[in-house]
Amino acid sequence: MTLYNMLFGVDADYKAVLSALGLNIGDVPRFRDAYVDRENNRLVIYTRTGGGNRDYYESADSCRDHYPEHFGGENQPTGPWNSDLRKVSGFLYDEDDDFDCTYASFYYAIPAAAEKNGAEA
């Protein structure tokens, strides 16, 4: 668990949200939270990969282009990447946080199976 999550916690349903999307925490770059946005009937993954962090976390190619010094050694960046989150079924869009743009939210349609199990708004 990260210091952020120890200080701020996570939504009680974060595991169910990730599971509904076929993900686990290890699939999400710089995971901070996941929750159901009941007002807009969608799932949200909250990360620390927005703003100035996007160059590093966008994709392997973007990371290599912007941070070549991190490649060539033993511990090369391997993801996961923001681009991986966009490949998840139901992806709608992502955007940087209004308050702190180094955070980003990734929005997804609620899968039909999850709606049947009570994830709908």
PDB file of N, CA and C in Angstrom:
ATOM      1  N   MET A   1       0.850  -1.179   0.000  1.00  0.00           N
ATOM      2  CA  MET A   1       0.000   0.000   0.000  1.00  0.00           C
ATOM      3  C   MET A   1       0.894   1.239   0.000  1.00  0.00           C
ATOM      4  N   THR A   2       0.499   2.230  -0.766  1.00  0.00           N
ATOM      5  CA  THR A   2       1.289   3.453  -0.869  1.00  0.00           C
ATOM      6  C   THR A   2       1.001   4.388   0.298  1.00  0.00           C
ATOM      7  N   LEU A   3       1.886   5.343   0.522  1.00  0.00           N
ATOM      8  CA  LEU A   3       1.674   6.345   1.559  1.00  0.00           C
ATOM      9  C   LEU A   3       0.374   7.095   1.301  1.00  0.00           C
ATOM     10  N   TYR A   4       0.115   7.434   0.035  1.00  0.00           N
ATOM     11  CA  TYR A   4      -1.131   8.123  -0.315  1.00  0.00           C
ATOM     12  C   TYR A   4      -2.326   7.332   0.204  1.00  0.00           C
ATOM     13  N   ASN A   5      -2.349   6.027  -0.084  1.00  0.00           N
ATOM     14  CA  ASN A   5      -3.484   5.207   0.311  1.00  0.00           C
ATOM     15  C   ASN A   5      -3.560   5.035   1.826  1.00  0.00           C
ATOM     16  N   MET A   6      -2.428   5.024   2.513  1.00  0.00           N
ATOM     17  CA  MET A   6      -2.451   4.951   3.976  1.00  0.00           C
ATOM     18  C   MET A   6      -3.041   6.229   4.565  1.00  0.00           C
ATOM     19  N   LEU A   7      -2.742   7.369   3.947  1.00  0.00           N
ATOM     20  CA  LEU A   7      -3.252   8.646   4.446  1.00  0.00           C
ATOM     21  C   LEU A   7      -4.708   8.885   4.079  1.00  0.00           C
ATOM     22  N   PHE A   8      -5.059   8.601   2.834  1.00  0.00           N
ATOM     23  CA  PHE A   8      -6.383   8.952   2.332  1.00  0.00           C
ATOM     24  C   PHE A   8      -7.320   7.763   2.178  1.00  0.00           C
ATOM     25  N   GLY A   9      -6.776   6.557   2.248  1.00  0.00           N
ATOM     26  CA  GLY A   9      -7.604   5.371   2.102  1.00  0.00           C
ATOM     27  C   GLY A   9      -8.051   5.166   0.666  1.00  0.00           C
ATOM     28  N   VAL A  10      -8.897   4.183   0.489  1.00  0.00           N
ATOM     29  CA  VAL A  10      -9.476   3.879  -0.812  1.00  0.00           C
ATOM     30  C   VAL A  10     -10.958   3.625  -0.618  1.00  0.00           C
ATOM     31  N   ASP A  11     -11.698   3.720  -1.684  1.00  0.00           N
ATOM     32  CA  ASP A  11     -13.123   3.446  -1.651  1.00  0.00           C
ATOM     33  C   ASP A  11     -13.350   1.996  -1.226  1.00  0.00           C
ATOM     34  N   ALA A  12     -14.386   1.760  -0.454  1.00  0.00           N
ATOM     35  CA  ALA A  12     -14.689   0.407   0.028  1.00  0.00           C
ATOM     36  C   ALA A  12     -14.909  -0.579  -1.113  1.00  0.00           C
ATOM     37  N   ASP A  13     -15.333  -0.093  -2.268  1.00  0.00           N
ATOM     38  CA  ASP A  13     -15.638  -0.965  -3.404  1.00  0.00           C
ATOM     39  C   ASP A  13     -14.526  -1.023  -4.447  1.00  0.00           C
ATOM     40  N   TYR A  14     -13.326  -0.548  -4.119  1.00  0.00           N
ATOM     41  CA  TYR A  14     -12.283  -0.469  -5.151  1.00  0.00           C
ATOM     42  C   TYR A  14     -11.968  -1.823  -5.770  1.00  0.00           C
ATOM     43  N   LYS A  15     -11.951  -2.884  -4.969  1.00  0.00           N
ATOM     44  CA  LYS A  15     -11.648  -4.210  -5.521  1.00  0.00           C
ATOM     45  C   LYS A  15     -12.740  -4.662  -6.486  1.00  0.00           C
ATOM     46  N   ALA A  16     -13.989  -4.398  -6.144  1.00  0.00           N
ATOM     47  CA  ALA A  16     -15.105  -4.777  -7.017  1.00  0.00           C
ATOM     48  C   ALA A  16     -15.065  -3.989  -8.321  1.00  0.00           C
ATOM     49  N   VAL A  17     -14.707  -2.713  -8.249  1.00  0.00           N
ATOM     50  CA  VAL A  17     -14.607  -1.882  -9.457  1.00  0.00           C
ATOM     51  C   VAL A  17     -13.515  -2.427 -10.369  1.00  0.00           C
ATOM     52  N   LEU A  18     -12.348  -2.683  -9.805  1.00  0.00           N
ATOM     53  CA  LEU A  18     -11.257  -3.224 -10.618  1.00  0.00           C
ATOM     54  C   LEU A  18     -11.629  -4.585 -11.192  1.00  0.00           C
ATOM     55  N   SER A  19     -12.251  -5.427 -10.379  1.00  0.00           N
ATOM     56  CA  SER A  19     -12.656  -6.757 -10.840  1.00  0.00           C
ATOM     57  C   SER A  19     -13.666  -6.662 -11.979  1.00  0.00           C
ATOM     58  N   ALA A  20     -14.608  -5.735 -11.880  1.00  0.00           N
ATOM     59  CA  ALA A  20     -15.618  -5.559 -12.935  1.00  0.00           C
ATOM     60  C   ALA A  20     -14.964  -5.192 -14.261  1.00  0.00           C
ATOM     61  N   LEU A  21     -13.811  -4.553 -14.186  1.00  0.00           N
ATOM     62  CA  LEU A  21     -13.078  -4.156 -15.392  1.00  0.00           C
ATOM     63  C   LEU A  21     -12.026  -5.190 -15.795  1.00  0.00           C
ATOM     64  N   GLY A  22     -11.934  -6.269 -15.031  1.00  0.00           N
ATOM     65  CA  GLY A  22     -10.957  -7.312 -15.329  1.00  0.00           C
ATOM     66  C   GLY A  22      -9.541  -6.930 -14.938  1.00  0.00           C
ATOM     67  N   LEU A  23      -9.413  -6.072 -13.923  1.00  0.00           N
ATOM     68  CA  LEU A  23      -8.106  -5.558 -13.510  1.00  0.00           C
ATOM     69  C   LEU A  23      -7.820  -5.869 -12.050  1.00  0.00           C
ATOM     70  N   ASN A  24      -6.564  -5.730 -11.677  1.00  0.00           N
ATOM     71  CA  ASN A  24      -6.167  -5.697 -10.275  1.00  0.00           C
ATOM     72  C   ASN A  24      -5.235  -4.496 -10.105  1.00  0.00           C
ATOM     73  N   ILE A  25      -4.862  -4.205  -8.883  1.00  0.00           N
ATOM     74  CA  ILE A  25      -4.052  -3.008  -8.628  1.00  0.00           C
ATOM     75  C   ILE A  25      -2.771  -3.000  -9.454  1.00  0.00           C
ATOM     76  N   GLY A  26      -2.161  -4.145  -9.647  1.00  0.00           N
ATOM     77  CA  GLY A  26      -0.922  -4.221 -10.407  1.00  0.00           C
ATOM     78  C   GLY A  26      -1.064  -3.862 -11.872  1.00  0.00           C
ATOM     79  N   ASP A  27      -2.298  -3.818 -12.371  1.00  0.00           N
ATOM     80  CA  ASP A  27      -2.556  -3.450 -13.764  1.00  0.00           C
ATOM     81  C   ASP A  27      -2.718  -1.950 -13.961  1.00  0.00           C
ATOM     82  N   VAL A  28      -2.732  -1.202 -12.871  1.00  0.00           N
ATOM     83  CA  VAL A  28      -3.018   0.238 -12.920  1.00  0.00           C
ATOM     84  C   VAL A  28      -1.766   1.024 -12.536  1.00  0.00           C
ATOM     85  N   PRO A  29      -1.254   1.857 -13.439  1.00  0.00           N
ATOM     86  CA  PRO A  29      -0.067   2.645 -13.098  1.00  0.00           C
ATOM     87  C   PRO A  29      -0.372   3.654 -11.995  1.00  0.00           C
ATOM     88  N   ARG A  30       0.445   3.644 -10.960  1.00  0.00           N
ATOM     89  CA  ARG A  30       0.322   4.577  -9.830  1.00  0.00           C
ATOM     90  C   ARG A  30      -1.113   4.669  -9.324  1.00  0.00           C
ATOM     91  N   PHE A  31      -1.688   3.531  -9.036  1.00  0.00           N
ATOM     92  CA  PHE A  31      -3.061   3.435  -8.535  1.00  0.00           C
ATOM     93  C   PHE A  31      -3.244   4.272  -7.276  1.00  0.00           C
ATOM     94  N   ARG A  32      -4.338   5.003  -7.230  1.00  0.00           N
ATOM     95  CA  ARG A  32      -4.712   5.741  -6.030  1.00  0.00           C
ATOM     96  C   ARG A  32      -6.085   5.321  -5.520  1.00  0.00           C
ATOM     97  N   ASP A  33      -7.041   5.064  -6.436  1.00  0.00           N
ATOM     98  CA  ASP A  33      -8.380   4.669  -5.998  1.00  0.00           C
ATOM     99  C   ASP A  33      -9.185   4.187  -7.195  1.00  0.00           C
ATOM    100  N   ALA A  34     -10.303   3.550  -6.903  1.00  0.00           N
ATOM    101  CA  ALA A  34     -11.274   3.148  -7.925  1.00  0.00           C
ATOM    102  C   ALA A  34     -12.638   3.170  -7.249  1.00  0.00           C
ATOM    103  N   TYR A  35     -13.634   3.684  -7.951  1.00  0.00           N
ATOM    104  CA  TYR A  35     -14.949   3.830  -7.327  1.00  0.00           C
ATOM    105  C   TYR A  35     -16.045   3.887  -8.384  1.00  0.00           C
ATOM    106  N   VAL A  36     -17.281   3.765  -7.909  1.00  0.00           N
ATOM    107  CA  VAL A  36     -18.448   3.905  -8.775  1.00  0.00           C
ATOM    108  C   VAL A  36     -18.905   5.355  -8.697  1.00  0.00           C
ATOM    109  N   ASP A  37     -18.966   6.021  -9.825  1.00  0.00           N
ATOM    110  CA  ASP A  37     -19.518   7.375  -9.917  1.00  0.00           C
ATOM    111  C   ASP A  37     -21.013   7.200 -10.156  1.00  0.00           C
ATOM    112  N   ARG A  38     -21.772   7.140  -9.079  1.00  0.00           N
ATOM    113  CA  ARG A  38     -23.210   6.846  -9.170  1.00  0.00           C
ATOM    114  C   ARG A  38     -23.986   7.971  -9.855  1.00  0.00           C
ATOM    115  N   GLU A  39     -23.522   9.187  -9.695  1.00  0.00           N
ATOM    116  CA  GLU A  39     -24.199  10.328 -10.312  1.00  0.00           C
ATOM    117  C   GLU A  39     -24.186  10.231 -11.836  1.00  0.00           C
ATOM    118  N   ASN A  40     -23.073   9.749 -12.390  1.00  0.00           N
ATOM    119  CA  ASN A  40     -22.933   9.655 -13.844  1.00  0.00           C
ATOM    120  C   ASN A  40     -22.943   8.222 -14.360  1.00  0.00           C
ATOM    121  N   ASN A  41     -23.233   7.269 -13.465  1.00  0.00           N
ATOM    122  CA  ASN A  41     -23.364   5.857 -13.813  1.00  0.00           C
ATOM    123  C   ASN A  41     -22.158   5.335 -14.603  1.00  0.00           C
ATOM    124  N   ARG A  42     -20.988   5.429 -13.974  1.00  0.00           N
ATOM    125  CA  ARG A  42     -19.760   4.956 -14.608  1.00  0.00           C
ATOM    126  C   ARG A  42     -18.771   4.539 -13.524  1.00  0.00           C
ATOM    127  N   LEU A  43     -17.745   3.824 -13.942  1.00  0.00           N
ATOM    128  CA  LEU A  43     -16.668   3.421 -13.047  1.00  0.00           C
ATOM    129  C   LEU A  43     -15.484   4.350 -13.272  1.00  0.00           C
ATOM    130  N   VAL A  44     -14.729   4.603 -12.210  1.00  0.00           N
ATOM    131  CA  VAL A  44     -13.604   5.529 -12.295  1.00  0.00           C
ATOM    132  C   VAL A  44     -12.372   4.908 -11.636  1.00  0.00           C
ATOM    133  N   ILE A  45     -11.248   5.014 -12.321  1.00  0.00           N
ATOM    134  CA  ILE A  45      -9.954   4.665 -11.741  1.00  0.00           C
ATOM    135  C   ILE A  45      -9.166   5.962 -11.607  1.00  0.00           C
ATOM    136  N   TYR A  46      -8.661   6.211 -10.401  1.00  0.00           N
ATOM    137  CA  TYR A  46      -7.925   7.434 -10.090  1.00  0.00           C
ATOM    138  C   TYR A  46      -6.443   7.086  -9.949  1.00  0.00           C
ATOM    139  N   THR A  47      -5.586   7.776 -10.699  1.00  0.00           N
ATOM    140  CA  THR A  47      -4.152   7.472 -10.721  1.00  0.00           C
ATOM    141  C   THR A  47      -3.321   8.729 -10.499  1.00  0.00           C
ATOM    142  N   ARG A  48      -2.043   8.541 -10.318  1.00  0.00           N
ATOM    143  CA  ARG A  48      -1.102   9.675 -10.236  1.00  0.00           C
ATOM    144  C   ARG A  48      -0.297   9.709 -11.528  1.00  0.00           C
ATOM    145  N   THR A  49      -0.987   9.654 -12.665  1.00  0.00           N
ATOM    146  CA  THR A  49      -0.303   9.599 -13.962  1.00  0.00           C
ATOM    147  C   THR A  49      -0.773  10.692 -14.915  1.00  0.00           C
ATOM    148  N   GLY A  50      -1.278  11.784 -14.366  1.00  0.00           N
ATOM    149  CA  GLY A  50      -1.738  12.886 -15.207  1.00  0.00           C
ATOM    150  C   GLY A  50      -0.683  13.975 -15.321  1.00  0.00           C
ATOM    151  N   GLY A  51      -1.052  15.052 -15.996  1.00  0.00           N
ATOM    152  CA  GLY A  51      -0.193  16.230 -16.115  1.00  0.00           C
ATOM    153  C   GLY A  51       1.219  15.900 -16.547  1.00  0.00           C
ATOM    154  N   GLY A  52       2.184  16.387 -15.786  1.00  0.00           N
ATOM    155  CA  GLY A  52       3.589  16.165 -16.089  1.00  0.00           C
ATOM    156  C   GLY A  52       4.028  14.715 -15.978  1.00  0.00           C
ATOM    157  N   ASN A  53       3.212  13.884 -15.349  1.00  0.00           N
ATOM    158  CA  ASN A  53       3.531  12.455 -15.254  1.00  0.00           C
ATOM    159  C   ASN A  53       3.162  11.696 -16.524  1.00  0.00           C
ATOM    160  N   ARG A  54       2.368  12.299 -17.391  1.00  0.00           N
ATOM    161  CA  ARG A  54       1.899  11.589 -18.591  1.00  0.00           C
ATOM    162  C   ARG A  54       3.043  11.169 -19.511  1.00  0.00           C
ATOM    163  N   ASP A  55       4.055  12.013 -19.664  1.00  0.00           N
ATOM    164  CA  ASP A  55       5.177  11.652 -20.539  1.00  0.00           C
ATOM    165  C   ASP A  55       5.801  10.323 -20.129  1.00  0.00           C
ATOM    166  N   TYR A  56       5.907  10.104 -18.836  1.00  0.00           N
ATOM    167  CA  TYR A  56       6.525   8.878 -18.336  1.00  0.00           C
ATOM    168  C   TYR A  56       5.558   7.697 -18.406  1.00  0.00           C
ATOM    169  N   TYR A  57       4.297   7.914 -18.046  1.00  0.00           N
ATOM    170  CA  TYR A  57       3.350   6.812 -17.884  1.00  0.00           C
ATOM    171  C   TYR A  57       2.426   6.572 -19.067  1.00  0.00           C
ATOM    172  N   GLU A  58       2.534   7.356 -20.130  1.00  0.00           N
ATOM    173  CA  GLU A  58       1.628   7.197 -21.272  1.00  0.00           C
ATOM    174  C   GLU A  58       1.784   5.832 -21.939  1.00  0.00           C
ATOM    175  N   SER A  59       2.995   5.477 -22.284  1.00  0.00           N
ATOM    176  CA  SER A  59       3.268   4.207 -22.969  1.00  0.00           C
ATOM    177  C   SER A  59       4.768   3.949 -22.890  1.00  0.00           C
ATOM    178  N   ALA A  60       5.177   2.745 -23.248  1.00  0.00           N
ATOM    179  CA  ALA A  60       6.611   2.435 -23.259  1.00  0.00           C
ATOM    180  C   ALA A  60       7.343   3.360 -24.227  1.00  0.00           C
ATOM    181  N   ASP A  61       6.747   3.597 -25.392  1.00  0.00           N
ATOM    182  CA  ASP A  61       7.393   4.472 -26.380  1.00  0.00           C
ATOM    183  C   ASP A  61       7.532   5.900 -25.872  1.00  0.00           C
ATOM    184  N   SER A  62       6.480   6.421 -25.255  1.00  0.00           N
ATOM    185  CA  SER A  62       6.529   7.779 -24.715  1.00  0.00           C
ATOM    186  C   SER A  62       7.580   7.879 -23.615  1.00  0.00           C
ATOM    187  N   CYS A  63       7.607   6.890 -22.752  1.00  0.00           N
ATOM    188  CA  CYS A  63       8.594   6.879 -21.672  1.00  0.00           C
ATOM    189  C   CYS A  63      10.009   6.843 -22.244  1.00  0.00           C
ATOM    190  N   ARG A  64      10.226   5.995 -23.222  1.00  0.00           N
ATOM    191  CA  ARG A  64      11.549   5.869 -23.849  1.00  0.00           C
ATOM    192  C   ARG A  64      11.948   7.177 -24.538  1.00  0.00           C
ATOM    193  N   ASP A  65      10.985   7.820 -25.219  1.00  0.00           N
ATOM    194  CA  ASP A  65      11.270   9.075 -25.919  1.00  0.00           C
ATOM    195  C   ASP A  65      11.638  10.204 -24.955  1.00  0.00           C
ATOM    196  N   HIS A  66      10.930  10.283 -23.824  1.00  0.00           N
ATOM    197  CA  HIS A  66      11.133  11.386 -22.890  1.00  0.00           C
ATOM    198  C   HIS A  66      12.169  11.096 -21.807  1.00  0.00           C
ATOM    199  N   TYR A  67      12.396   9.822 -21.530  1.00  0.00           N
ATOM    200  CA  TYR A  67      13.324   9.439 -20.464  1.00  0.00           C
ATOM    201  C   TYR A  67      14.258   8.326 -20.933  1.00  0.00           C
ATOM    202  N   PRO A  68      15.056   8.578 -21.977  1.00  0.00           N
ATOM    203  CA  PRO A  68      15.925   7.520 -22.510  1.00  0.00           C
ATOM    204  C   PRO A  68      16.931   7.005 -21.482  1.00  0.00           C
ATOM    205  N   GLU A  69      17.240   7.827 -20.499  1.00  0.00           N
ATOM    206  CA  GLU A  69      18.206   7.411 -19.482  1.00  0.00           C
ATOM    207  C   GLU A  69      17.695   6.252 -18.625  1.00  0.00           C
ATOM    208  N   HIS A  70      16.389   6.001 -18.654  1.00  0.00           N
ATOM    209  CA  HIS A  70      15.815   4.909 -17.861  1.00  0.00           C
ATOM    210  C   HIS A  70      15.857   3.577 -18.600  1.00  0.00           C
ATOM    211  N   PHE A  71      16.331   3.588 -19.831  1.00  0.00           N
ATOM    212  CA  PHE A  71      16.355   2.375 -20.648  1.00  0.00           C
ATOM    213  C   PHE A  71      17.797   1.967 -20.925  1.00  0.00           C
ATOM    214  N   GLY A  72      18.002   0.680 -21.117  1.00  0.00           N
ATOM    215  CA  GLY A  72      19.328   0.176 -21.412  1.00  0.00           C
ATOM    216  C   GLY A  72      19.970  -0.546 -20.249  1.00  0.00           C
ATOM    217  N   GLY A  73      19.463  -0.345 -19.046  1.00  0.00           N
ATOM    218  CA  GLY A  73      20.000  -1.024 -17.874  1.00  0.00           C
ATOM    219  C   GLY A  73      19.157  -2.229 -17.497  1.00  0.00           C
ATOM    220  N   GLU A  74      19.368  -2.699 -16.292  1.00  0.00           N
ATOM    221  CA  GLU A  74      18.648  -3.882 -15.821  1.00  0.00           C
ATOM    222  C   GLU A  74      17.206  -3.588 -15.431  1.00  0.00           C
ATOM    223  N   ASN A  75      16.935  -2.432 -14.875  1.00  0.00           N
ATOM    224  CA  ASN A  75      15.609  -2.112 -14.345  1.00  0.00           C
ATOM    225  C   ASN A  75      14.856  -1.143 -15.246  1.00  0.00           C
ATOM    226  N   GLN A  76      14.568  -1.571 -16.448  1.00  0.00           N
ATOM    227  CA  GLN A  76      13.859  -0.723 -17.401  1.00  0.00           C
ATOM    228  C   GLN A  76      12.374  -0.649 -17.044  1.00  0.00           C
ATOM    229  N   PRO A  77      11.745   0.500 -17.275  1.00  0.00           N
ATOM    230  CA  PRO A  77      10.309   0.614 -17.038  1.00  0.00           C
ATOM    231  C   PRO A  77       9.533  -0.395 -17.889  1.00  0.00           C
ATOM    232  N   THR A  78       8.573  -1.042 -17.278  1.00  0.00           N
ATOM    233  CA  THR A  78       7.797  -2.068 -17.982  1.00  0.00           C
ATOM    234  C   THR A  78       6.296  -1.822 -17.925  1.00  0.00           C
ATOM    235  N   GLY A  79       5.875  -0.717 -17.383  1.00  0.00           N
ATOM    236  CA  GLY A  79       4.453  -0.453 -17.247  1.00  0.00           C
ATOM    237  C   GLY A  79       3.966  -0.966 -15.908  1.00  0.00           C
ATOM    238  N   PRO A  80       2.672  -0.943 -15.718  1.00  0.00           N
ATOM    239  CA  PRO A  80       1.623  -0.662 -16.688  1.00  0.00           C
ATOM    240  C   PRO A  80       1.618   0.811 -17.105  1.00  0.00           C
ATOM    241  N   TRP A  81       0.893   1.068 -18.194  1.00  0.00           N
ATOM    242  CA  TRP A  81       0.870   2.392 -18.812  1.00  0.00           C
ATOM    243  C   TRP A  81      -0.561   2.919 -18.898  1.00  0.00           C
ATOM    244  N   ASN A  82      -0.685   4.240 -19.056  1.00  0.00           N
ATOM    245  CA  ASN A  82      -2.003   4.830 -19.306  1.00  0.00           C
ATOM    246  C   ASN A  82      -2.639   4.224 -20.552  1.00  0.00           C
ATOM    247  N   SER A  83      -1.828   3.962 -21.561  1.00  0.00           N
ATOM    248  CA  SER A  83      -2.365   3.380 -22.801  1.00  0.00           C
ATOM    249  C   SER A  83      -3.002   2.018 -22.543  1.00  0.00           C
ATOM    250  N   ASP A  84      -2.507   1.273 -21.551  1.00  0.00           N
ATOM    251  CA  ASP A  84      -3.125  -0.007 -21.192  1.00  0.00           C
ATOM    252  C   ASP A  84      -4.532   0.206 -20.637  1.00  0.00           C
ATOM    253  N   LEU A  85      -4.709   1.257 -19.840  1.00  0.00           N
ATOM    254  CA  LEU A  85      -6.025   1.531 -19.264  1.00  0.00           C
ATOM    255  C   LEU A  85      -7.037   1.906 -20.341  1.00  0.00           C
ATOM    256  N   ARG A  86      -6.573   2.516 -21.419  1.00  0.00           N
ATOM    257  CA  ARG A  86      -7.480   2.878 -22.516  1.00  0.00           C
ATOM    258  C   ARG A  86      -7.924   1.667 -23.326  1.00  0.00           C
ATOM    259  N   LYS A  87      -7.214   0.563 -23.216  1.00  0.00           N
ATOM    260  CA  LYS A  87      -7.566  -0.661 -23.945  1.00  0.00           C
ATOM    261  C   LYS A  87      -8.615  -1.494 -23.215  1.00  0.00           C
ATOM    262  N   VAL A  88      -8.908  -1.147 -21.975  1.00  0.00           N
ATOM    263  CA  VAL A  88      -9.875  -1.902 -21.180  1.00  0.00           C
ATOM    264  C   VAL A  88     -11.276  -1.692 -21.753  1.00  0.00           C
ATOM    265  N   SER A  89     -12.012  -2.777 -21.875  1.00  0.00           N
ATOM    266  CA  SER A  89     -13.375  -2.716 -22.411  1.00  0.00           C
ATOM    267  C   SER A  89     -14.216  -1.719 -21.618  1.00  0.00           C
ATOM    268  N   GLY A  90     -14.967  -0.898 -22.329  1.00  0.00           N
ATOM    269  CA  GLY A  90     -15.830   0.086 -21.694  1.00  0.00           C
ATOM    270  C   GLY A  90     -15.174   1.431 -21.460  1.00  0.00           C
ATOM    271  N   PHE A  91     -13.902   1.581 -21.859  1.00  0.00           N
ATOM    272  CA  PHE A  91     -13.214   2.857 -21.660  1.00  0.00           C
ATOM    273  C   PHE A  91     -13.980   3.974 -22.350  1.00  0.00           C
ATOM    274  N   LEU A  92     -14.201   5.074 -21.625  1.00  0.00           N
ATOM    275  CA  LEU A  92     -14.898   6.240 -22.170  1.00  0.00           C
ATOM    276  C   LEU A  92     -13.910   7.369 -22.481  1.00  0.00           C
ATOM    277  N   TYR A  93     -13.166   7.803 -21.470  1.00  0.00           N
ATOM    278  CA  TYR A  93     -12.180   8.871 -21.647  1.00  0.00           C
ATOM    279  C   TYR A  93     -11.364   9.002 -20.362  1.00  0.00           C
ATOM    280  N   ASP A  94     -10.307   9.789 -20.424  1.00  0.00           N
ATOM    281  CA  ASP A  94      -9.543  10.120 -19.219  1.00  0.00           C
ATOM    282  C   ASP A  94      -9.263  11.612 -19.226  1.00  0.00           C
ATOM    283  N   GLU A  95      -9.027  12.138 -18.022  1.00  0.00           N
ATOM    284  CA  GLU A  95      -8.722  13.561 -17.898  1.00  0.00           C
ATOM    285  C   GLU A  95      -7.919  13.806 -16.630  1.00  0.00           C
ATOM    286  N   ASP A  96      -7.155  14.894 -16.659  1.00  0.00           N
ATOM    287  CA  ASP A  96      -6.385  15.283 -15.488  1.00  0.00           C
ATOM    288  C   ASP A  96      -7.308  15.893 -14.445  1.00  0.00           C
ATOM    289  N   ASP A  97      -6.930  15.735 -13.191  1.00  0.00           N
ATOM    290  CA  ASP A  97      -7.689  16.276 -12.078  1.00  0.00           C
ATOM    291  C   ASP A  97      -7.654  17.806 -12.118  1.00  0.00           C
ATOM    292  N   ASP A  98      -8.768  18.447 -11.824  1.00  0.00           N
ATOM    293  CA  ASP A  98      -8.833  19.913 -11.828  1.00  0.00           C
ATOM    294  C   ASP A  98      -8.000  20.534 -10.709  1.00  0.00           C
ATOM    295  N   PHE A  99      -7.963  19.877  -9.558  1.00  0.00           N
ATOM    296  CA  PHE A  99      -7.255  20.436  -8.406  1.00  0.00           C
ATOM    297  C   PHE A  99      -5.751  20.210  -8.500  1.00  0.00           C
ATOM    298  N   ASP A 100      -5.347  19.005  -8.881  1.00  0.00           N
ATOM    299  CA  ASP A 100      -3.928  18.659  -9.005  1.00  0.00           C
ATOM    300  C   ASP A 100      -3.765  17.842 -10.277  1.00  0.00           C
ATOM    301  N   CYS A 101      -3.264  18.479 -11.328  1.00  0.00           N
ATOM    302  CA  CYS A 101      -3.222  17.840 -12.646  1.00  0.00           C
ATOM    303  C   CYS A 101      -2.258  16.667 -12.726  1.00  0.00           C
ATOM    304  N   THR A 102      -1.476  16.404 -11.674  1.00  0.00           N
ATOM    305  CA  THR A 102      -0.621  15.215 -11.712  1.00  0.00           C
ATOM    306  C   THR A 102      -1.427  13.944 -11.457  1.00  0.00           C
ATOM    307  N   TYR A 103      -2.693  14.105 -11.087  1.00  0.00           N
ATOM    308  CA  TYR A 103      -3.612  12.979 -10.943  1.00  0.00           C
ATOM    309  C   TYR A 103      -4.485  12.914 -12.186  1.00  0.00           C
ATOM    310  N   ALA A 104      -4.913  11.717 -12.538  1.00  0.00           N
ATOM    311  CA  ALA A 104      -5.794  11.536 -13.695  1.00  0.00           C
ATOM    312  C   ALA A 104      -6.886  10.538 -13.345  1.00  0.00           C
ATOM    313  N   SER A 105      -8.065  10.775 -13.898  1.00  0.00           N
ATOM    314  CA  SER A 105      -9.187   9.850 -13.750  1.00  0.00           C
ATOM    315  C   SER A 105      -9.465   9.201 -15.093  1.00  0.00           C
ATOM    316  N   PHE A 106      -9.680   7.890 -15.062  1.00  0.00           N
ATOM    317  CA  PHE A 106     -10.030   7.105 -16.239  1.00  0.00           C
ATOM    318  C   PHE A 106     -11.458   6.623 -16.034  1.00  0.00           C
ATOM    319  N   TYR A 107     -12.326   6.908 -17.008  1.00  0.00           N
ATOM    320  CA  TYR A 107     -13.755   6.639 -16.883  1.00  0.00           C
ATOM    321  C   TYR A 107     -14.173   5.478 -17.780  1.00  0.00           C
ATOM    322  N   TYR A 108     -15.068   4.632 -17.239  1.00  0.00           N
ATOM    323  CA  TYR A 108     -15.526   3.432 -17.939  1.00  0.00           C
ATOM    324  C   TYR A 108     -17.029   3.265 -17.791  1.00  0.00           C
ATOM    325  N   ALA A 109     -17.640   2.722 -18.839  1.00  0.00           N
ATOM    326  CA  ALA A 109     -19.037   2.303 -18.745  1.00  0.00           C
ATOM    327  C   ALA A 109     -19.100   1.127 -17.778  1.00  0.00           C
ATOM    328  N   ILE A 110     -20.188   1.033 -17.043  1.00  0.00           N
ATOM    329  CA  ILE A 110     -20.362  -0.101 -16.135  1.00  0.00           C
ATOM    330  C   ILE A 110     -20.733  -1.325 -16.956  1.00  0.00           C
ATOM    331  N   PRO A 111     -19.945  -2.403 -16.855  1.00  0.00           N
ATOM    332  CA  PRO A 111     -20.265  -3.618 -17.612  1.00  0.00           C
ATOM    333  C   PRO A 111     -21.634  -4.168 -17.206  1.00  0.00           C
ATOM    334  N   ALA A 112     -22.350  -4.748 -18.153  1.00  0.00           N
ATOM    335  CA  ALA A 112     -23.690  -5.276 -17.892  1.00  0.00           C
ATOM    336  C   ALA A 112     -23.691  -6.255 -16.724  1.00  0.00           C
ATOM    337  N   ALA A 113     -22.702  -7.117 -16.650  1.00  0.00           N
ATOM    338  CA  ALA A 113     -22.638  -8.099 -15.562  1.00  0.00           C
ATOM    339  C   ALA A 113     -22.508  -7.407 -14.208  1.00  0.00           C
ATOM    340  N   ALA A 114     -21.761  -6.317 -14.145  1.00  0.00           N
ATOM    341  CA  ALA A 114     -21.597  -5.583 -12.897  1.00  0.00           C
ATOM    342  C   ALA A 114     -22.890  -4.872 -12.521  1.00  0.00           C
ATOM    343  N   GLU A 115     -23.618  -4.364 -13.505  1.00  0.00           N
ATOM    344  CA  GLU A 115     -24.903  -3.721 -13.225  1.00  0.00           C
ATOM    345  C   GLU A 115     -25.863  -4.709 -12.592  1.00  0.00           C
ATOM    346  N   LYS A 116     -25.872  -5.935 -13.090  1.00  0.00           N
ATOM    347  CA  LYS A 116     -26.750  -6.972 -12.540  1.00  0.00           C
ATOM    348  C   LYS A 116     -26.387  -7.288 -11.097  1.00  0.00           C
ATOM    349  N   ASN A 117     -25.122  -7.080 -10.739  1.00  0.00           N
ATOM    350  CA  ASN A 117     -24.662  -7.370  -9.385  1.00  0.00           C
ATOM    351  C   ASN A 117     -24.715  -6.156  -8.469  1.00  0.00           C
ATOM    352  N   GLY A 118     -25.341  -5.065  -8.914  1.00  0.00           N
ATOM    353  CA  GLY A 118     -25.567  -3.931  -8.034  1.00  0.00           C
ATOM    354  C   GLY A 118     -24.625  -2.765  -8.171  1.00  0.00           C
ATOM    355  N   ALA A 119     -23.817  -2.693  -9.207  1.00  0.00           N
ATOM    356  CA  ALA A 119     -22.890  -1.565  -9.357  1.00  0.00           C
ATOM    357  C   ALA A 119     -23.551  -0.357 -10.004  1.00  0.00           C
ATOM    358  N   GLU A 120     -24.800  -0.515 -10.455  1.00  0.00           N
ATOM    359  CA  GLU A 120     -25.436   0.624 -11.114  1.00  0.00           C
ATOM    360  C   GLU A 120     -25.739   1.719 -10.109  1.00  0.00           C
ATOM    361  N   ALA A 121     -25.950   2.909 -10.619  1.00  0.00           N
ATOM    362  CA  ALA A 121     -26.225   4.059  -9.758  1.00  0.00           C
ATOM    363  C   ALA A 121     -27.547   3.908  -9.055  1.00  0.00           C
TER     364      ALA A 121
END
